[in-house]
Protein backbone atom coordinates (compact mmCIF):
# COMPACT_ATOMS: atom_id res chain seq x y z
CA UNK A 1 15.61 -18.60 -0.02
CA UNK A 2 15.94 -16.91 -3.14
CA UNK A 3 12.62 -15.48 -2.58
CA UNK A 4 13.89 -13.96 0.57
CA UNK A 5 17.41 -12.46 -0.49
CA UNK A 6 14.99 -10.99 -3.58
CA UNK A 7 12.62 -9.80 -1.38
CA UNK A 8 15.77 -8.35 0.77
CA UNK A 9 17.23 -6.80 -2.82
CA UNK A 10 13.59 -5.04 -3.27
CA UNK A 11 13.30 -3.68 0.17
CA UNK A 12 17.08 -2.80 -0.36
CA UNK A 13 16.08 -0.65 -3.54
CA UNK A 14 12.69 0.78 -1.77
CA UNK A 15 14.88 2.09 0.64
CA UNK A 16 17.62 3.60 -1.42
CA UNK A 17 14.92 5.65 -3.42
CA UNK A 18 13.62 6.83 -0.25
CA UNK A 19 17.11 8.09 0.60
CA UNK A 20 17.33 9.86 -2.95
CA UNK A 21 14.11 11.38 -2.05
CA UNK A 22 15.37 12.62 1.32
CA UNK A 23 18.36 13.91 -0.50
CA UNK A 24 15.92 15.78 -3.14
CA UNK A 25 13.88 16.96 -0.20
CA UNK A 26 17.15 18.00 1.96
CA UNK A 27 18.35 19.83 -0.97
CA UNK A 28 15.15 21.80 -1.63
CA UNK A 29 15.54 22.55 2.48
CA UNK A 30 18.79 23.96 1.94
CA UNK A 31 17.52 26.31 -1.10
CA UNK A 32 14.55 27.81 1.06
CA UNK A 33 17.29 28.10 4.33
CA UNK A 34 19.38 29.89 2.22
CA UNK A 35 16.82 32.12 0.63
CA UNK A 36 15.64 32.63 4.41
CA UNK A 37 18.63 34.01 4.82
CA UNK A 38 18.77 36.20 2.25
CA UNK A 39 15.34 37.55 3.50
CA UNK A 40 17.18 38.24 6.62
CA UNK A 41 19.27 40.57 4.78
CA UNK A 42 16.11 42.24 3.37
CA UNK A 43 14.60 42.54 7.03
CA UNK A 44 18.30 44.30 7.75
CA UNK A 45 17.94 46.48 4.83
CA UNK A 46 14.13 46.92 5.65
CA UNK A 47 15.34 47.91 9.35
CA UNK A 48 17.60 50.40 7.81
CA UNK A 49 15.60 51.93 6.13
CA UNK A 50 12.90 52.41 9.05
CA UNK A 51 15.74 54.04 10.85
CA UNK A 52 16.38 56.37 7.29
CA UNK A 53 12.19 56.87 7.40
CA UNK A 54 12.36 58.43 10.82
CA UNK A 55 15.29 60.54 10.45
CA UNK A 56 13.23 62.35 7.74
CA UNK A 57 10.08 62.64 9.82
CA UNK A 58 11.22 66.65 10.08
CA UNK A 59 11.48 66.97 6.35
CA UNK A 60 8.39 64.78 5.48
CA UNK A 61 6.33 67.51 7.12
CA UNK A 62 7.56 69.98 4.66
CA UNK A 63 7.13 67.78 1.50
CA UNK A 64 3.83 65.85 1.06
CA UNK A 65 5.09 64.30 -2.11
CA UNK A 66 7.51 62.77 -0.36
CA UNK A 67 5.54 60.99 2.49
CA UNK A 68 3.28 59.55 -0.11
CA UNK A 69 6.19 57.94 -1.85
CA UNK A 70 7.90 56.96 1.58
CA UNK A 71 4.64 55.21 3.05
CA UNK A 72 4.54 53.43 -0.45
CA UNK A 73 7.87 52.52 0.22
CA UNK A 74 6.87 51.29 3.14
CA UNK A 75 3.93 49.40 1.90
CA UNK A 76 5.89 47.27 -0.26
CA UNK A 77 8.14 46.70 2.28
CA UNK A 78 5.39 45.40 4.76
CA UNK A 79 4.35 43.28 1.69
CA UNK A 80 7.66 41.74 1.32
CA UNK A 81 7.60 40.75 5.19
CA UNK A 82 4.33 39.27 4.97
CA UNK A 83 6.04 36.72 1.74
CA UNK A 84 8.84 36.73 3.90
CA UNK A 85 6.63 35.17 7.01
CA UNK A 86 4.80 32.68 4.56
CA UNK A 87 8.25 31.62 3.54
CA UNK A 88 8.90 30.92 7.10
CA UNK A 89 5.99 29.10 7.79
CA UNK A 90 6.37 27.14 4.65
CA UNK A 91 10.11 26.53 6.00
CA UNK A 92 8.15 25.27 9.36
CA UNK A 93 6.17 23.03 7.50
CA UNK A 94 9.00 21.65 5.32
CA UNK A 95 11.15 21.23 8.36
CA UNK A 96 8.33 19.19 9.93
CA UNK A 97 7.52 17.01 7.14
CA UNK A 98 11.68 16.49 6.70
CA UNK A 99 11.60 14.90 10.22
CA UNK A 100 8.85 13.07 10.04
CA UNK A 101 10.15 11.47 6.47
CA UNK A 102 13.24 10.90 8.44
CA UNK A 103 11.62 9.07 10.93
CA UNK A 104 9.91 6.65 8.94
CA UNK A 105 12.85 6.24 7.03
CA UNK A 106 14.56 5.11 10.04
CA UNK A 107 11.65 2.80 11.04
CA UNK A 108 12.07 1.04 7.53
CA UNK A 109 15.89 0.91 7.72
CA UNK A 110 14.92 -0.87 11.19
CA UNK A 111 12.74 -3.37 9.38
CA UNK A 112 14.97 -3.81 7.19
CA UNK A 113 17.74 -5.21 9.25
CA UNK A 114 14.73 -7.09 11.23
CA UNK A 115 14.32 -9.02 7.82
CA UNK A 116 17.55 -9.01 7.02
CA UNK A 117 17.77 -11.09 10.21
CA UNK A 118 15.38 -13.31 9.83
CA UNK A 119 16.58 -14.16 6.06
CA UNK A 120 19.71 -15.04 7.94
CA UNK A 121 18.28 -17.29 10.10
CA UNK A 122 16.26 -19.20 7.75
CA UNK A 123 19.70 -19.58 5.60
CA UNK A 124 21.16 -20.57 8.77
CA UNK A 125 18.18 -22.83 9.51
CA UNK A 126 18.78 -24.38 5.85
CA UNK A 127 22.72 -25.31 6.21
CA UNK A 128 21.57 -27.09 8.97
CA UNK A 129 18.49 -29.11 7.92
CA UNK A 130 20.98 -29.93 4.79
CA UNK A 131 23.87 -31.30 7.34
CA UNK A 132 21.15 -32.91 8.83
CA UNK A 133 19.93 -34.80 5.46
CA UNK A 134 23.36 -35.06 4.32
CA UNK A 135 24.23 -37.39 7.49
CA UNK A 136 21.25 -39.58 7.16
CA UNK A 137 22.31 -43.03 6.59
CA UNK A 138 21.67 -45.54 3.15
CA UNK A 139 19.15 -47.35 5.04
CA UNK A 140 17.15 -43.88 6.85
CA UNK A 141 17.21 -43.42 2.62
CA UNK A 142 15.88 -46.79 1.49
CA UNK A 143 12.68 -46.51 3.96
CA UNK A 144 12.24 -42.95 2.86
CA UNK A 145 11.96 -44.64 -0.59
CA UNK A 146 10.02 -47.00 0.60
CA UNK A 147 7.58 -44.68 2.69
CA UNK A 148 7.15 -43.08 -0.67
CA UNK A 149 6.97 -46.12 -2.76
CA UNK A 150 3.98 -47.13 -0.04
CA UNK A 151 1.92 -44.24 -0.22
CA UNK A 152 1.74 -43.54 -4.03
CA UNK A 153 0.88 -47.38 -4.12
CA UNK A 154 -1.84 -46.54 -1.38
CA UNK A 155 -2.77 -43.68 -3.22
CA UNK A 156 -3.24 -45.96 -6.65
CA UNK A 157 -5.15 -48.55 -4.86
CA UNK A 158 -7.94 -45.23 -3.36
CA UNK A 159 -8.12 -44.82 -7.05
CA UNK A 160 -8.87 -48.25 -8.52
CA UNK A 161 -11.18 -48.46 -5.50
CA UNK A 162 -13.29 -45.34 -6.43
CA UNK A 163 -13.30 -46.72 -10.20
CA UNK A 164 -14.45 -50.09 -9.03
CA UNK A 165 -17.12 -48.19 -6.73
CA UNK A 166 -18.12 -46.19 -10.12
CA UNK A 167 -18.75 -49.50 -12.60
CA UNK A 168 -20.20 -51.31 -9.29
CA UNK A 169 -22.93 -48.39 -9.30
CA UNK A 170 -22.75 -48.41 -13.12
CA UNK A 171 -23.66 -52.25 -12.94
CA UNK A 172 -26.63 -51.39 -10.54
CA UNK A 173 -27.85 -49.16 -12.34
CA UNK A 174 -28.33 -50.99 -15.68
CA UNK A 175 -29.59 -54.09 -14.04
CA UNK A 176 -32.45 -52.03 -12.55
């Protein structure tokens, strides 16, 4: 029974550790969500800049230097969007991992509950057997003691027979 309790406690500790790991993943996920929100703000800024660029197209025709500068800025913003897309993709992967880990954790919790039920049933069975054992009559107890003594005596007799056979074999071997 104590072994089952130890196993149960070990499994509960492992489950707590997994739960703590889940909390860490959840915190990382929330940080990534915040980063995505910041990227959304950057996208809005980017869209505003693009509108500004469209309004300045007429001025760009007059000033070629401004066109180069604006194109360079546009390239930088495109790189930022690529970075944001990579972050979005990484966020999706993390969400999938989190969902999978959550499923695994729920399965482990279900297994742990089954183990708890098994342990509970084993404890009840042990209590029942102890009650049955406690209800035995003195005659039953005496019979069991006698049976145990009889089995011990039979084992001793078998050992003595083996010794006797060995001695007889040695005697025959020496007489030849």
